[in-house]
Amino acid sequence: VNPEIWLLDEPFSSGMDPHGINMFRRHAREAATQGRTIIYSTQILDVVEKFSDRVCILHKGEVRAFDSVRLLESSGSSGALEEIFQNLREEGS
């Protein structure tokens, strides 16, 4: 089985050990290099910074940001995705 799109909800909070996380990352990266799309939701922003090519930040059902991790981080004063996320939430409240 080699689906075109992977749609995952909080894959890193399911209790995977470090070995499982590394295996998942390796398989997902390999699928992405083959042209597959991997979409996952998470609230663990340090994982997003290390794992994602692009980020979509949602707040109250509205897209607040969608760009590469690098470009989003360069738009914040500290360069941290967590700061950008907090600022976007506060603007949208």
C-alpha atoms as a PDB file:
ATOM      1  CA  VAL A   1       0.000   0.000   0.000  1.00  0.00           C
ATOM      2  CA  ASN A   2       1.416   3.341  -1.065  1.00  0.00           C
ATOM      3  CA  PRO A   3      -1.291   6.033  -0.773  1.00  0.00           C
ATOM      4  CA  GLU A   4      -0.971   9.362  -2.591  1.00  0.00           C
ATOM      5  CA  ILE A   5      -2.092  11.279   0.503  1.00  0.00           C
ATOM      6  CA  TRP A   6      -1.406  10.494   4.150  1.00  0.00           C
ATOM      7  CA  LEU A   7      -3.856  12.185   6.532  1.00  0.00           C
ATOM      8  CA  LEU A   8      -2.858  11.804  10.172  1.00  0.00           C
ATOM      9  CA  ASP A   9      -4.256  13.244  13.399  1.00  0.00           C
ATOM     10  CA  GLU A  10      -1.653  13.812  16.133  1.00  0.00           C
ATOM     11  CA  PRO A  11       0.691  11.006  15.021  1.00  0.00           C
ATOM     12  CA  PHE A  12       3.414  12.030  17.483  1.00  0.00           C
ATOM     13  CA  SER A  13       1.201  11.978  20.576  1.00  0.00           C
ATOM     14  CA  SER A  14       0.127   8.362  20.238  1.00  0.00           C
ATOM     15  CA  GLY A  15       2.783   7.083  22.611  1.00  0.00           C
ATOM     16  CA  MET A  16       5.381   6.249  19.971  1.00  0.00           C
ATOM     17  CA  ASP A  17       8.844   5.694  21.369  1.00  0.00           C
ATOM     18  CA  PRO A  18      11.852   7.500  19.808  1.00  0.00           C
ATOM     19  CA  HIS A  19      12.546   4.543  17.513  1.00  0.00           C
ATOM     20  CA  GLY A  20       8.941   4.576  16.250  1.00  0.00           C
ATOM     21  CA  ILE A  21       9.054   8.316  15.667  1.00  0.00           C
ATOM     22  CA  ASN A  22      12.296   7.984  13.687  1.00  0.00           C
ATOM     23  CA  MET A  23      10.824   5.169  11.593  1.00  0.00           C
ATOM     24  CA  PHE A  24       7.687   7.221  10.910  1.00  0.00           C
ATOM     25  CA  ARG A  25       9.777  10.239   9.899  1.00  0.00           C
ATOM     26  CA  ARG A  26      11.932   8.118   7.589  1.00  0.00           C
ATOM     27  CA  HIS A  27       8.933   6.500   5.880  1.00  0.00           C
ATOM     28  CA  ALA A  28       7.083   9.807   5.584  1.00  0.00           C
ATOM     29  CA  ARG A  29      10.135  11.604   4.159  1.00  0.00           C
ATOM     30  CA  GLU A  30      10.641   8.778   1.658  1.00  0.00           C
ATOM     31  CA  ALA A  31       6.973   9.000   0.624  1.00  0.00           C
ATOM     32  CA  ALA A  32       7.286  12.782   0.235  1.00  0.00           C
ATOM     33  CA  THR A  33      10.325  12.418  -2.029  1.00  0.00           C
ATOM     34  CA  GLN A  34       8.195  10.074  -4.169  1.00  0.00           C
ATOM     35  CA  GLY A  35       5.621  12.865  -4.585  1.00  0.00           C
ATOM     36  CA  ARG A  36       3.210  11.763  -1.858  1.00  0.00           C
ATOM     37  CA  THR A  37       1.501  14.354   0.343  1.00  0.00           C
ATOM     38  CA  ILE A  38       1.659  13.969   4.125  1.00  0.00           C
ATOM     39  CA  ILE A  39      -0.812  16.062   6.106  1.00  0.00           C
ATOM     40  CA  TYR A  40      -0.839  15.803   9.869  1.00  0.00           C
ATOM     41  CA  SER A  41      -2.302  17.782  12.721  1.00  0.00           C
ATOM     42  CA  THR A  42      -0.346  18.463  15.870  1.00  0.00           C
ATOM     43  CA  GLN A  43       0.022  20.954  18.667  1.00  0.00           C
ATOM     44  CA  ILE A  44       3.657  20.009  19.276  1.00  0.00           C
ATOM     45  CA  LEU A  45       5.341  22.925  17.546  1.00  0.00           C
ATOM     46  CA  ASP A  46       8.947  21.809  18.026  1.00  0.00           C
ATOM     47  CA  VAL A  47       8.068  18.654  16.046  1.00  0.00           C
ATOM     48  CA  VAL A  48       6.555  20.855  13.335  1.00  0.00           C
ATOM     49  CA  GLU A  49       9.770  22.884  13.120  1.00  0.00           C
ATOM     50  CA  LYS A  50      11.889  19.744  12.712  1.00  0.00           C
ATOM     51  CA  PHE A  51       9.582  17.668  10.509  1.00  0.00           C
ATOM     52  CA  SER A  52       7.493  19.880   8.242  1.00  0.00           C
ATOM     53  CA  ASP A  53       8.215  21.533   4.922  1.00  0.00           C
ATOM     54  CA  ARG A  54       5.127  23.748   5.085  1.00  0.00           C
ATOM     55  CA  VAL A  55       2.837  24.783   7.921  1.00  0.00           C
ATOM     56  CA  CYS A  56      -0.812  25.756   8.006  1.00  0.00           C
ATOM     57  CA  ILE A  57      -1.878  27.454  11.239  1.00  0.00           C
ATOM     58  CA  LEU A  58      -5.607  27.365  11.921  1.00  0.00           C
ATOM     59  CA  HIS A  59      -7.487  29.350  14.545  1.00  0.00           C
ATOM     60  CA  LYS A  60     -11.252  29.043  15.026  1.00  0.00           C
ATOM     61  CA  GLY A  61     -11.540  27.279  11.665  1.00  0.00           C
ATOM     62  CA  GLU A  62      -9.725  30.034   9.777  1.00  0.00           C
ATOM     63  CA  VAL A  63      -6.347  29.736   8.070  1.00  0.00           C
ATOM     64  CA  ARG A  64      -4.120  32.252   9.840  1.00  0.00           C
ATOM     65  CA  ALA A  65      -0.839  31.351   8.094  1.00  0.00           C
ATOM     66  CA  PHE A  66       0.337  28.969   5.404  1.00  0.00           C
ATOM     67  CA  ASP A  67       3.953  28.946   4.294  1.00  0.00           C
ATOM     68  CA  SER A  68       7.264  27.166   4.643  1.00  0.00           C
ATOM     69  CA  VAL A  69       8.599  26.776   8.163  1.00  0.00           C
ATOM     70  CA  ARG A  70      11.651  28.842   7.226  1.00  0.00           C
ATOM     71  CA  LEU A  71       9.613  31.793   5.919  1.00  0.00           C
ATOM     72  CA  LEU A  72       7.207  31.735   8.853  1.00  0.00           C
ATOM     73  CA  GLU A  73      10.065  31.655  11.340  1.00  0.00           C
ATOM     74  CA  SER A  74      11.828  34.530   9.602  1.00  0.00           C
ATOM     75  CA  SER A  75       8.674  36.643  10.070  1.00  0.00           C
ATOM     76  CA  GLY A  76       8.811  36.414  13.886  1.00  0.00           C
ATOM     77  CA  SER A  77      11.090  38.476  16.099  1.00  0.00           C
ATOM     78  CA  SER A  78      12.566  35.436  17.873  1.00  0.00           C
ATOM     79  CA  GLY A  79      12.309  33.111  14.893  1.00  0.00           C
ATOM     80  CA  ALA A  80      10.262  30.619  16.909  1.00  0.00           C
ATOM     81  CA  LEU A  81       7.150  29.044  15.454  1.00  0.00           C
ATOM     82  CA  GLU A  82       5.551  29.067  18.915  1.00  0.00           C
ATOM     83  CA  GLU A  83       5.796  32.874  19.067  1.00  0.00           C
ATOM     84  CA  ILE A  84       4.239  33.204  15.602  1.00  0.00           C
ATOM     85  CA  PHE A  85       1.423  30.836  16.570  1.00  0.00           C
ATOM     86  CA  GLN A  86       0.679  32.838  19.755  1.00  0.00           C
ATOM     87  CA  ASN A  87       0.719  36.153  17.888  1.00  0.00           C
ATOM     88  CA  LEU A  88      -1.655  34.868  15.201  1.00  0.00           C
ATOM     89  CA  ARG A  89      -4.058  33.517  17.847  1.00  0.00           C
ATOM     90  CA  GLU A  90      -4.046  36.839  19.723  1.00  0.00           C
ATOM     91  CA  GLU A  91      -4.696  38.787  16.512  1.00  0.00           C
ATOM     92  CA  GLY A  92      -7.643  36.527  15.687  1.00  0.00           C
ATOM     93  CA  SER A  93      -9.284  36.582  19.124  1.00  0.00           C
END
